[in-house]
PDB file of N, CA and C in Angstrom:
ATOM      1  N   MET A   1       5.070   9.504   9.622  1.00  0.00           N
ATOM      2  CA  MET A   1       4.663   8.661   8.501  1.00  0.00           C
ATOM      3  C   MET A   1       5.012   9.381   7.199  1.00  0.00           C
ATOM      4  N   ARG A   2       5.600   8.655   6.326  1.00  0.00           N
ATOM      5  CA  ARG A   2       5.983   9.199   5.021  1.00  0.00           C
ATOM      6  C   ARG A   2       4.746   9.354   4.132  1.00  0.00           C
ATOM      7  N   ASP A   3       4.812  10.314   3.209  1.00  0.00           N
ATOM      8  CA  ASP A   3       3.753  10.435   2.207  1.00  0.00           C
ATOM      9  C   ASP A   3       3.635   9.124   1.446  1.00  0.00           C
ATOM     10  N   SER A   4       2.435   8.840   0.989  1.00  0.00           N
ATOM     11  CA  SER A   4       2.203   7.618   0.221  1.00  0.00           C
ATOM     12  C   SER A   4       2.957   7.661  -1.102  1.00  0.00           C
ATOM     13  N   ILE A   5       3.542   6.525  -1.473  1.00  0.00           N
ATOM     14  CA  ILE A   5       4.128   6.415  -2.810  1.00  0.00           C
ATOM     15  C   ILE A   5       3.139   5.736  -3.750  1.00  0.00           C
ATOM     16  N   ILE A   6       1.972   5.371  -3.216  1.00  0.00           N
ATOM     17  CA  ILE A   6       0.954   4.692  -4.018  1.00  0.00           C
ATOM     18  C   ILE A   6      -0.002   5.698  -4.644  1.00  0.00           C
ATOM     19  N   VAL A   7      -0.390   6.701  -3.883  1.00  0.00           N
ATOM     20  CA  VAL A   7      -1.314   7.715  -4.398  1.00  0.00           C
ATOM     21  C   VAL A   7      -0.638   9.083  -4.384  1.00  0.00           C
ATOM     22  N   ASP A   8      -1.001   9.905  -5.338  1.00  0.00           N
ATOM     23  CA  ASP A   8      -0.547  11.287  -5.365  1.00  0.00           C
ATOM     24  C   ASP A   8      -1.153  11.984  -4.141  1.00  0.00           C
ATOM     25  N   MET A   9      -0.338  12.679  -3.379  1.00  0.00           N
ATOM     26  CA  MET A   9      -0.809  13.268  -2.119  1.00  0.00           C
ATOM     27  C   MET A   9      -1.916  14.304  -2.309  1.00  0.00           C
ATOM     28  N   LYS A  10      -2.088  14.844  -3.509  1.00  0.00           N
ATOM     29  CA  LYS A  10      -3.207  15.770  -3.700  1.00  0.00           C
ATOM     30  C   LYS A  10      -4.543  15.036  -3.639  1.00  0.00           C
ATOM     31  N   TYR A  11      -4.507  13.702  -3.722  1.00  0.00           N
ATOM     32  CA  TYR A  11      -5.725  12.890  -3.616  1.00  0.00           C
ATOM     33  C   TYR A  11      -5.787  12.111  -2.303  1.00  0.00           C
ATOM     34  N   ALA A  12      -4.924  12.403  -1.362  1.00  0.00           N
ATOM     35  CA  ALA A  12      -4.826  11.624  -0.128  1.00  0.00           C
ATOM     36  C   ALA A  12      -6.030  11.777   0.802  1.00  0.00           C
ATOM     37  N   ASP A  13      -6.905  12.730   0.541  1.00  0.00           N
ATOM     38  CA  ASP A  13      -8.104  12.892   1.366  1.00  0.00           C
ATOM     39  C   ASP A  13      -9.314  12.183   0.779  1.00  0.00           C
ATOM     40  N   PHE A  14      -9.093  11.410  -0.285  1.00  0.00           N
ATOM     41  CA  PHE A  14     -10.203  10.759  -0.987  1.00  0.00           C
ATOM     42  C   PHE A  14      -9.964   9.256  -1.109  1.00  0.00           C
ATOM     43  N   ASP A  15     -11.008   8.499  -0.883  1.00  0.00           N
ATOM     44  CA  ASP A  15     -10.965   7.039  -0.952  1.00  0.00           C
ATOM     45  C   ASP A  15     -10.495   6.584  -2.335  1.00  0.00           C
ATOM     46  N   ILE A  16      -9.552   5.633  -2.373  1.00  0.00           N
ATOM     47  CA  ILE A  16      -9.058   5.174  -3.667  1.00  0.00           C
ATOM     48  C   ILE A  16     -10.053   4.281  -4.394  1.00  0.00           C
ATOM     49  N   ILE A  17     -11.079   3.810  -3.700  1.00  0.00           N
ATOM     50  CA  ILE A  17     -12.060   2.940  -4.344  1.00  0.00           C
ATOM     51  C   ILE A  17     -13.173   3.736  -5.008  1.00  0.00           C
ATOM     52  N   ASN A  18     -13.736   4.711  -4.277  1.00  0.00           N
ATOM     53  CA  ASN A  18     -14.865   5.447  -4.854  1.00  0.00           C
ATOM     54  C   ASN A  18     -14.728   6.966  -4.799  1.00  0.00           C
ATOM     55  N   GLY A  19     -13.603   7.471  -4.331  1.00  0.00           N
ATOM     56  CA  GLY A  19     -13.368   8.907  -4.337  1.00  0.00           C
ATOM     57  C   GLY A  19     -14.065   9.700  -3.257  1.00  0.00           C
ATOM     58  N   GLN A  20     -14.707   9.026  -2.307  1.00  0.00           N
ATOM     59  CA  GLN A  20     -15.403   9.751  -1.240  1.00  0.00           C
ATOM     60  C   GLN A  20     -14.408  10.429  -0.305  1.00  0.00           C
ATOM     61  N   TYR A  21     -14.864  11.528   0.274  1.00  0.00           N
ATOM     62  CA  TYR A  21     -14.074  12.288   1.237  1.00  0.00           C
ATOM     63  C   TYR A  21     -14.249  11.671   2.629  1.00  0.00           C
ATOM     64  N   GLY A  22     -13.292  11.870   3.498  1.00  0.00           N
ATOM     65  CA  GLY A  22     -13.384  11.379   4.875  1.00  0.00           C
ATOM     66  C   GLY A  22     -12.727  10.019   5.003  1.00  0.00           C
ATOM     67  N   VAL A  23     -11.405  10.011   4.993  1.00  0.00           N
ATOM     68  CA  VAL A  23     -10.683   8.743   4.891  1.00  0.00           C
ATOM     69  C   VAL A  23      -9.790   8.479   6.102  1.00  0.00           C
ATOM     70  N   GLU A  24      -9.382   7.235   6.176  1.00  0.00           N
ATOM     71  CA  GLU A  24      -8.377   6.776   7.130  1.00  0.00           C
ATOM     72  C   GLU A  24      -7.220   6.211   6.302  1.00  0.00           C
ATOM     73  N   ARG A  25      -6.052   6.169   6.903  1.00  0.00           N
ATOM     74  CA  ARG A  25      -4.901   5.596   6.205  1.00  0.00           C
ATOM     75  C   ARG A  25      -4.837   4.102   6.483  1.00  0.00           C
ATOM     76  N   HIS A  26      -4.768   3.336   5.423  1.00  0.00           N
ATOM     77  CA  HIS A  26      -4.632   1.892   5.541  1.00  0.00           C
ATOM     78  C   HIS A  26      -3.226   1.490   5.125  1.00  0.00           C
ATOM     79  N   HIS A  27      -2.520   0.815   6.018  1.00  0.00           N
ATOM     80  CA  HIS A  27      -1.187   0.292   5.711  1.00  0.00           C
ATOM     81  C   HIS A  27      -1.378  -0.990   4.909  1.00  0.00           C
ATOM     82  N   CYS A  28      -0.876  -1.001   3.695  1.00  0.00           N
ATOM     83  CA  CYS A  28      -1.085  -2.151   2.803  1.00  0.00           C
ATOM     84  C   CYS A  28      -0.358  -3.392   3.283  1.00  0.00           C
ATOM     85  N   LEU A  29       0.695  -3.215   4.040  1.00  0.00           N
ATOM     86  CA  LEU A  29       1.430  -4.335   4.619  1.00  0.00           C
ATOM     87  C   LEU A  29       1.392  -4.170   6.131  1.00  0.00           C
ATOM     88  N   GLY A  30       0.725  -5.080   6.793  1.00  0.00           N
ATOM     89  CA  GLY A  30       0.506  -4.924   8.226  1.00  0.00           C
ATOM     90  C   GLY A  30       1.354  -5.857   9.070  1.00  0.00           C
ATOM     91  N   GLY A  31       0.886  -6.082  10.278  1.00  0.00           N
ATOM     92  CA  GLY A  31       1.596  -6.946  11.210  1.00  0.00           C
ATOM     93  C   GLY A  31       2.983  -6.418  11.492  1.00  0.00           C
ATOM     94  N   PRO A  32       3.989  -7.310  11.438  1.00  0.00           N
ATOM     95  CA  PRO A  32       5.358  -6.871  11.738  1.00  0.00           C
ATOM     96  C   PRO A  32       5.928  -5.924  10.688  1.00  0.00           C
ATOM     97  N   ASN A  33       5.247  -5.804   9.551  1.00  0.00           N
ATOM     98  CA  ASN A  33       5.730  -4.927   8.480  1.00  0.00           C
ATOM     99  C   ASN A  33       5.077  -3.550   8.478  1.00  0.00           C
ATOM    100  N   ARG A  34       4.199  -3.298   9.420  1.00  0.00           N
ATOM    101  CA  ARG A  34       3.475  -2.021   9.448  1.00  0.00           C
ATOM    102  C   ARG A  34       4.422  -0.824   9.564  1.00  0.00           C
ATOM    103  N   LYS A  35       5.389  -0.916  10.467  1.00  0.00           N
ATOM    104  CA  LYS A  35       6.321   0.200  10.651  1.00  0.00           C
ATOM    105  C   LYS A  35       7.131   0.438   9.373  1.00  0.00           C
ATOM    106  N   LYS A  36       7.575  -0.644   8.736  1.00  0.00           N
ATOM    107  CA  LYS A  36       8.311  -0.512   7.479  1.00  0.00           C
ATOM    108  C   LYS A  36       7.418   0.101   6.405  1.00  0.00           C
ATOM    109  N   ALA A  37       6.159  -0.316   6.356  1.00  0.00           N
ATOM    110  CA  ALA A  37       5.214   0.250   5.384  1.00  0.00           C
ATOM    111  C   ALA A  37       5.062   1.752   5.611  1.00  0.00           C
ATOM    112  N   ASP A  38       5.025   2.175   6.881  1.00  0.00           N
ATOM    113  CA  ASP A  38       5.003   3.606   7.217  1.00  0.00           C
ATOM    114  C   ASP A  38       6.228   4.308   6.644  1.00  0.00           C
ATOM    115  N   GLU A  39       7.394   3.732   6.896  1.00  0.00           N
ATOM    116  CA  GLU A  39       8.654   4.326   6.442  1.00  0.00           C
ATOM    117  C   GLU A  39       8.737   4.404   4.921  1.00  0.00           C
ATOM    118  N   ASP A  40       8.128   3.434   4.241  1.00  0.00           N
ATOM    119  CA  ASP A  40       8.221   3.349   2.785  1.00  0.00           C
ATOM    120  C   ASP A  40       7.056   4.005   2.050  1.00  0.00           C
ATOM    121  N   GLY A  41       6.066   4.510   2.777  1.00  0.00           N
ATOM    122  CA  GLY A  41       4.925   5.160   2.138  1.00  0.00           C
ATOM    123  C   GLY A  41       3.954   4.188   1.494  1.00  0.00           C
ATOM    124  N   LEU A  42       3.823   3.000   2.068  1.00  0.00           N
ATOM    125  CA  LEU A  42       2.942   1.982   1.493  1.00  0.00           C
ATOM    126  C   LEU A  42       1.593   1.977   2.209  1.00  0.00           C
ATOM    127  N   TRP A  43       0.874   3.067   2.025  1.00  0.00           N
ATOM    128  CA  TRP A  43      -0.470   3.191   2.578  1.00  0.00           C
ATOM    129  C   TRP A  43      -1.381   3.834   1.549  1.00  0.00           C
ATOM    130  N   VAL A  44      -2.676   3.631   1.744  1.00  0.00           N
ATOM    131  CA  VAL A  44      -3.681   4.207   0.847  1.00  0.00           C
ATOM    132  C   VAL A  44      -4.808   4.812   1.676  1.00  0.00           C
ATOM    133  N   PRO A  45      -5.495   5.818   1.128  1.00  0.00           N
ATOM    134  CA  PRO A  45      -6.641   6.396   1.827  1.00  0.00           C
ATOM    135  C   PRO A  45      -7.909   5.586   1.545  1.00  0.00           C
ATOM    136  N   LEU A  46      -8.621   5.239   2.610  1.00  0.00           N
ATOM    137  CA  LEU A  46      -9.883   4.505   2.487  1.00  0.00           C
ATOM    138  C   LEU A  46     -10.897   5.073   3.466  1.00  0.00           C
ATOM    139  N   THR A  47     -12.158   5.118   3.061  1.00  0.00           N
ATOM    140  CA  THR A  47     -13.210   5.487   3.996  1.00  0.00           C
ATOM    141  C   THR A  47     -13.306   4.385   5.050  1.00  0.00           C
ATOM    142  N   PRO A  48     -13.900   4.675   6.216  1.00  0.00           N
ATOM    143  CA  PRO A  48     -14.056   3.620   7.221  1.00  0.00           C
ATOM    144  C   PRO A  48     -14.752   2.372   6.666  1.00  0.00           C
ATOM    145  N   GLU A  49     -15.721   2.566   5.787  1.00  0.00           N
ATOM    146  CA  GLU A  49     -16.415   1.419   5.203  1.00  0.00           C
ATOM    147  C   GLU A  49     -15.470   0.549   4.381  1.00  0.00           C
ATOM    148  N   HIS A  50     -14.589   1.167   3.611  1.00  0.00           N
ATOM    149  CA  HIS A  50     -13.658   0.398   2.787  1.00  0.00           C
ATOM    150  C   HIS A  50     -12.399  -0.009   3.553  1.00  0.00           C
ATOM    151  N   HIS A  51     -12.169   0.635   4.689  1.00  0.00           N
ATOM    152  CA  HIS A  51     -10.985   0.302   5.490  1.00  0.00           C
ATOM    153  C   HIS A  51     -11.238  -0.888   6.409  1.00  0.00           C
ATOM    154  N   ARG A  52     -12.304  -0.791   7.232  1.00  0.00           N
ATOM    155  CA  ARG A  52     -12.452  -1.817   8.266  1.00  0.00           C
ATOM    156  C   ARG A  52     -13.863  -2.305   8.529  1.00  0.00           C
ATOM    157  N   MET A  53     -14.878  -1.639   7.977  1.00  0.00           N
ATOM    158  CA  MET A  53     -16.245  -1.975   8.391  1.00  0.00           C
ATOM    159  C   MET A  53     -17.068  -2.713   7.334  1.00  0.00           C
ATOM    160  N   GLY A  54     -16.899  -2.405   6.080  1.00  0.00           N
ATOM    161  CA  GLY A  54     -17.758  -2.981   5.058  1.00  0.00           C
ATOM    162  C   GLY A  54     -17.318  -4.369   4.631  1.00  0.00           C
ATOM    163  N   LYS A  55     -18.207  -5.063   3.929  1.00  0.00           N
ATOM    164  CA  LYS A  55     -17.859  -6.426   3.504  1.00  0.00           C
ATOM    165  C   LYS A  55     -16.794  -6.435   2.410  1.00  0.00           C
ATOM    166  N   ILE A  56     -16.576  -5.284   1.746  1.00  0.00           N
ATOM    167  CA  ILE A  56     -15.457  -5.198   0.798  1.00  0.00           C
ATOM    168  C   ILE A  56     -14.374  -4.262   1.347  1.00  0.00           C
ATOM    169  N   SER A  57     -14.137  -4.357   2.649  1.00  0.00           N
ATOM    170  CA  SER A  57     -13.105  -3.524   3.270  1.00  0.00           C
ATOM    171  C   SER A  57     -11.775  -4.266   3.317  1.00  0.00           C
ATOM    172  N   ALA A  58     -10.723  -3.510   3.484  1.00  0.00           N
ATOM    173  CA  ALA A  58      -9.374  -4.076   3.498  1.00  0.00           C
ATOM    174  C   ALA A  58      -9.174  -5.058   4.653  1.00  0.00           C
ATOM    175  N   HIS A  59      -9.907  -4.864   5.751  1.00  0.00           N
ATOM    176  CA  HIS A  59      -9.738  -5.752   6.907  1.00  0.00           C
ATOM    177  C   HIS A  59     -10.777  -6.880   6.945  1.00  0.00           C
ATOM    178  N   GLN A  60     -11.740  -6.859   6.045  1.00  0.00           N
ATOM    179  CA  GLN A  60     -12.769  -7.897   6.027  1.00  0.00           C
ATOM    180  C   GLN A  60     -12.720  -8.776   4.783  1.00  0.00           C
ATOM    181  N   SER A  61     -12.135  -8.289   3.717  1.00  0.00           N
ATOM    182  CA  SER A  61     -12.113  -9.000   2.446  1.00  0.00           C
ATOM    183  C   SER A  61     -10.686  -9.426   2.095  1.00  0.00           C
ATOM    184  N   THR A  62     -10.477 -10.723   1.992  1.00  0.00           N
ATOM    185  CA  THR A  62      -9.164 -11.245   1.613  1.00  0.00           C
ATOM    186  C   THR A  62      -8.760 -10.743   0.239  1.00  0.00           C
ATOM    187  N   GLU A  63      -9.736 -10.648  -0.670  1.00  0.00           N
ATOM    188  CA  GLU A  63      -9.436 -10.205  -2.029  1.00  0.00           C
ATOM    189  C   GLU A  63      -8.939  -8.767  -2.047  1.00  0.00           C
ATOM    190  N   VAL A  64      -9.595  -7.885  -1.303  1.00  0.00           N
ATOM    191  CA  VAL A  64      -9.175  -6.478  -1.241  1.00  0.00           C
ATOM    192  C   VAL A  64      -7.800  -6.383  -0.583  1.00  0.00           C
ATOM    193  N   GLN A  65      -7.602  -7.128   0.495  1.00  0.00           N
ATOM    194  CA  GLN A  65      -6.313  -7.118   1.184  1.00  0.00           C
ATOM    195  C   GLN A  65      -5.192  -7.564   0.246  1.00  0.00           C
ATOM    196  N   LYS A  66      -5.390  -8.634  -0.469  1.00  0.00           N
ATOM    197  CA  LYS A  66      -4.357  -9.140  -1.382  1.00  0.00           C
ATOM    198  C   LYS A  66      -4.096  -8.153  -2.524  1.00  0.00           C
ATOM    199  N   LEU A  67      -5.148  -7.553  -3.054  1.00  0.00           N
ATOM    200  CA  LEU A  67      -4.979  -6.567  -4.115  1.00  0.00           C
ATOM    201  C   LEU A  67      -4.129  -5.392  -3.631  1.00  0.00           C
ATOM    202  N   LEU A  68      -4.388  -4.898  -2.429  1.00  0.00           N
ATOM    203  CA  LEU A  68      -3.612  -3.783  -1.887  1.00  0.00           C
ATOM    204  C   LEU A  68      -2.158  -4.182  -1.612  1.00  0.00           C
ATOM    205  N   GLN A  69      -1.931  -5.430  -1.228  1.00  0.00           N
ATOM    206  CA  GLN A  69      -0.563  -5.903  -1.040  1.00  0.00           C
ATOM    207  C   GLN A  69       0.194  -5.955  -2.366  1.00  0.00           C
ATOM    208  N   ILE A  70      -0.483  -6.413  -3.414  1.00  0.00           N
ATOM    209  CA  ILE A  70       0.126  -6.447  -4.744  1.00  0.00           C
ATOM    210  C   ILE A  70       0.451  -5.025  -5.208  1.00  0.00           C
ATOM    211  N   ILE A  71      -0.497  -4.121  -5.027  1.00  0.00           N
ATOM    212  CA  ILE A  71      -0.279  -2.721  -5.400  1.00  0.00           C
ATOM    213  C   ILE A  71       0.903  -2.138  -4.627  1.00  0.00           C
ATOM    214  N   ALA A  72       1.005  -2.474  -3.338  1.00  0.00           N
ATOM    215  CA  ALA A  72       2.108  -1.968  -2.522  1.00  0.00           C
ATOM    216  C   ALA A  72       3.452  -2.479  -3.052  1.00  0.00           C
ATOM    217  N   GLN A  73       3.526  -3.769  -3.354  1.00  0.00           N
ATOM    218  CA  GLN A  73       4.791  -4.301  -3.866  1.00  0.00           C
ATOM    219  C   GLN A  73       5.163  -3.661  -5.197  1.00  0.00           C
ATOM    220  N   LEU A  74       4.206  -3.558  -6.099  1.00  0.00           N
ATOM    221  CA  LEU A  74       4.486  -2.945  -7.399  1.00  0.00           C
ATOM    222  C   LEU A  74       4.906  -1.484  -7.250  1.00  0.00           C
ATOM    223  N   SER A  75       4.261  -0.757  -6.349  1.00  0.00           N
ATOM    224  CA  SER A  75       4.615   0.648  -6.122  1.00  0.00           C
ATOM    225  C   SER A  75       6.021   0.771  -5.555  1.00  0.00           C
ATOM    226  N   TYR A  76       6.359  -0.094  -4.625  1.00  0.00           N
ATOM    227  CA  TYR A  76       7.707  -0.100  -4.044  1.00  0.00           C
ATOM    228  C   TYR A  76       8.742  -0.350  -5.137  1.00  0.00           C
ATOM    229  N   GLU A  77       8.497  -1.382  -5.941  1.00  0.00           N
ATOM    230  CA  GLU A  77       9.449  -1.727  -6.999  1.00  0.00           C
ATOM    231  C   GLU A  77       9.572  -0.608  -8.029  1.00  0.00           C
ATOM    232  N   LEU A  78       8.458  -0.034  -8.430  1.00  0.00           N
ATOM    233  CA  LEU A  78       8.489   1.071  -9.386  1.00  0.00           C
ATOM    234  C   LEU A  78       9.274   2.256  -8.814  1.00  0.00           C
ATOM    235  N   ASN A  79       9.066   2.547  -7.546  1.00  0.00           N
ATOM    236  CA  ASN A  79       9.799   3.634  -6.899  1.00  0.00           C
ATOM    237  C   ASN A  79      11.297   3.353  -6.912  1.00  0.00           C
ATOM    238  N   GLU A  80      11.687   2.114  -6.647  1.00  0.00           N
ATOM    239  CA  GLU A  80      13.105   1.751  -6.646  1.00  0.00           C
ATOM    240  C   GLU A  80      13.696   1.806  -8.057  1.00  0.00           C
ATOM    241  N   VAL A  81      12.923   1.382  -9.048  1.00  0.00           N
ATOM    242  CA  VAL A  81      13.390   1.457 -10.436  1.00  0.00           C
ATOM    243  C   VAL A  81      13.590   2.922 -10.838  1.00  0.00           C
ATOM    244  N   SER A  82      12.700   3.785 -10.381  1.00  0.00           N
ATOM    245  CA  SER A  82      12.846   5.210 -10.700  1.00  0.00           C
ATOM    246  C   SER A  82      14.083   5.817 -10.038  1.00  0.00           C
ATOM    247  N   GLN A  83      14.611   5.132  -9.015  1.00  0.00           N
ATOM    248  CA  GLN A  83      15.836   5.577  -8.334  1.00  0.00           C
ATOM    249  C   GLN A  83      17.088   4.977  -8.971  1.00  0.00           C
ATOM    250  N   GLY A  84      16.908   4.137 -10.009  1.00  0.00           N
ATOM    251  CA  GLY A  84      18.059   3.620 -10.727  1.00  0.00           C
ATOM    252  C   GLY A  84      18.301   2.124 -10.635  1.00  0.00           C
ATOM    253  N   LEU A  85      17.514   1.404  -9.829  1.00  0.00           N
ATOM    254  CA  LEU A  85      17.692  -0.042  -9.745  1.00  0.00           C
ATOM    255  C   LEU A  85      17.053  -0.732 -10.949  1.00  0.00           C
ATOM    256  N   THR A  86      17.508  -1.926 -11.251  1.00  0.00           N
ATOM    257  CA  THR A  86      16.830  -2.731 -12.265  1.00  0.00           C
ATOM    258  C   THR A  86      15.581  -3.343 -11.636  1.00  0.00           C
ATOM    259  N   VAL A  87      14.700  -3.885 -12.454  1.00  0.00           N
ATOM    260  CA  VAL A  87      13.487  -4.534 -11.934  1.00  0.00           C
ATOM    261  C   VAL A  87      13.871  -5.681 -11.009  1.00  0.00           C
ATOM    262  N   ASP A  88      14.834  -6.484 -11.408  1.00  0.00           N
ATOM    263  CA  ASP A  88      15.267  -7.611 -10.572  1.00  0.00           C
ATOM    264  C   ASP A  88      15.862  -7.136  -9.250  1.00  0.00           C
ATOM    265  N   GLU A  89      16.645  -6.080  -9.287  1.00  0.00           N
ATOM    266  CA  GLU A  89      17.225  -5.536  -8.052  1.00  0.00           C
ATOM    267  C   GLU A  89      16.142  -4.985  -7.133  1.00  0.00           C
ATOM    268  N   ALA A  90      15.162  -4.312  -7.718  1.00  0.00           N
ATOM    269  CA  ALA A  90      14.055  -3.752  -6.928  1.00  0.00           C
ATOM    270  C   ALA A  90      13.235  -4.864  -6.282  1.00  0.00           C
ATOM    271  N   ARG A  91      12.985  -5.929  -7.026  1.00  0.00           N
ATOM    272  CA  ARG A  91      12.217  -7.062  -6.488  1.00  0.00           C
ATOM    273  C   ARG A  91      12.985  -7.730  -5.354  1.00  0.00           C
ATOM    274  N   LYS A  92      14.279  -7.893  -5.523  1.00  0.00           N
ATOM    275  CA  LYS A  92      15.101  -8.494  -4.459  1.00  0.00           C
ATOM    276  C   LYS A  92      15.115  -7.595  -3.224  1.00  0.00           C
ATOM    277  N   LYS A  93      15.219  -6.292  -3.442  1.00  0.00           N
ATOM    278  CA  LYS A  93      15.226  -5.355  -2.313  1.00  0.00           C
ATOM    279  C   LYS A  93      13.907  -5.430  -1.542  1.00  0.00           C
ATOM    280  N   PHE A  94      12.779  -5.534  -2.260  1.00  0.00           N
ATOM    281  CA  PHE A  94      11.486  -5.678  -1.594  1.00  0.00           C
ATOM    282  C   PHE A  94      11.480  -6.955  -0.750  1.00  0.00           C
ATOM    283  N   PHE A  95      11.923  -8.060  -1.335  1.00  0.00           N
ATOM    284  CA  PHE A  95      11.916  -9.328  -0.604  1.00  0.00           C
ATOM    285  C   PHE A  95      12.837  -9.260   0.614  1.00  0.00           C
ATOM    286  N   ASP A  96      14.007  -8.681   0.457  1.00  0.00           N
ATOM    287  CA  ASP A  96      14.944  -8.570   1.574  1.00  0.00           C
ATOM    288  C   ASP A  96      14.343  -7.757   2.720  1.00  0.00           C
ATOM    289  N   ARG A  97      13.548  -6.754   2.358  1.00  0.00           N
ATOM    290  CA  ARG A  97      12.942  -5.902   3.398  1.00  0.00           C
ATOM    291  C   ARG A  97      11.706  -6.529   4.029  1.00  0.00           C
ATOM    292  N   TYR A  98      10.844  -7.137   3.204  1.00  0.00           N
ATOM    293  CA  TYR A  98       9.549  -7.631   3.697  1.00  0.00           C
ATOM    294  C   TYR A  98       9.459  -9.152   3.834  1.00  0.00           C
ATOM    295  N   ARG A  99      10.487  -9.860   3.340  1.00  0.00           N
ATOM    296  CA  ARG A  99      10.567 -11.318   3.455  1.00  0.00           C
ATOM    297  C   ARG A  99       9.396 -12.054   2.820  1.00  0.00           C
ATOM    298  N   LYS A 100       8.790 -11.435   1.811  1.00  0.00           N
ATOM    299  CA  LYS A 100       7.643 -12.047   1.146  1.00  0.00           C
ATOM    300  C   LYS A 100       7.428 -11.377  -0.193  1.00  0.00           C
ATOM    301  N   PHE A 101       6.915 -12.158  -1.140  1.00  0.00           N
ATOM    302  CA  PHE A 101       6.431 -11.624  -2.410  1.00  0.00           C
ATOM    303  C   PHE A 101       4.909 -11.686  -2.405  1.00  0.00           C
ATOM    304  N   TYR A 102       4.278 -10.657  -2.924  1.00  0.00           N
ATOM    305  CA  TYR A 102       2.817 -10.649  -3.045  1.00  0.00           C
ATOM    306  C   TYR A 102       2.364 -10.840  -4.480  1.00  0.00           C
ATOM    307  N   ILE A 103       3.307 -10.750  -5.424  1.00  0.00           N
ATOM    308  CA  ILE A 103       2.958 -10.968  -6.828  1.00  0.00           C
ATOM    309  C   ILE A 103       3.703 -12.186  -7.360  1.00  0.00           C
TER     310      ILE A 103
END
């Protein structure tokens, strides 16, 4: 699994919602895109409560899930722009890879 491009790896042991220690990696794009998300570093650290168990967890709350998908797309595009692509090229590359827009 590639390092996250969403969070600075020095903070990868802390929940992105409340900063608590003791996290799991949540793939922001799941299902058939999970492996690609691994390859692209589209994951965030979440405590079990924020990952899968609590009512505001990524797997229980549609709002949290959608927010993380938007963050993943923006992070991917920003990473591609930093590599020299235009915003439009980065957005097209995301769509070509994931077959969906989240923003």
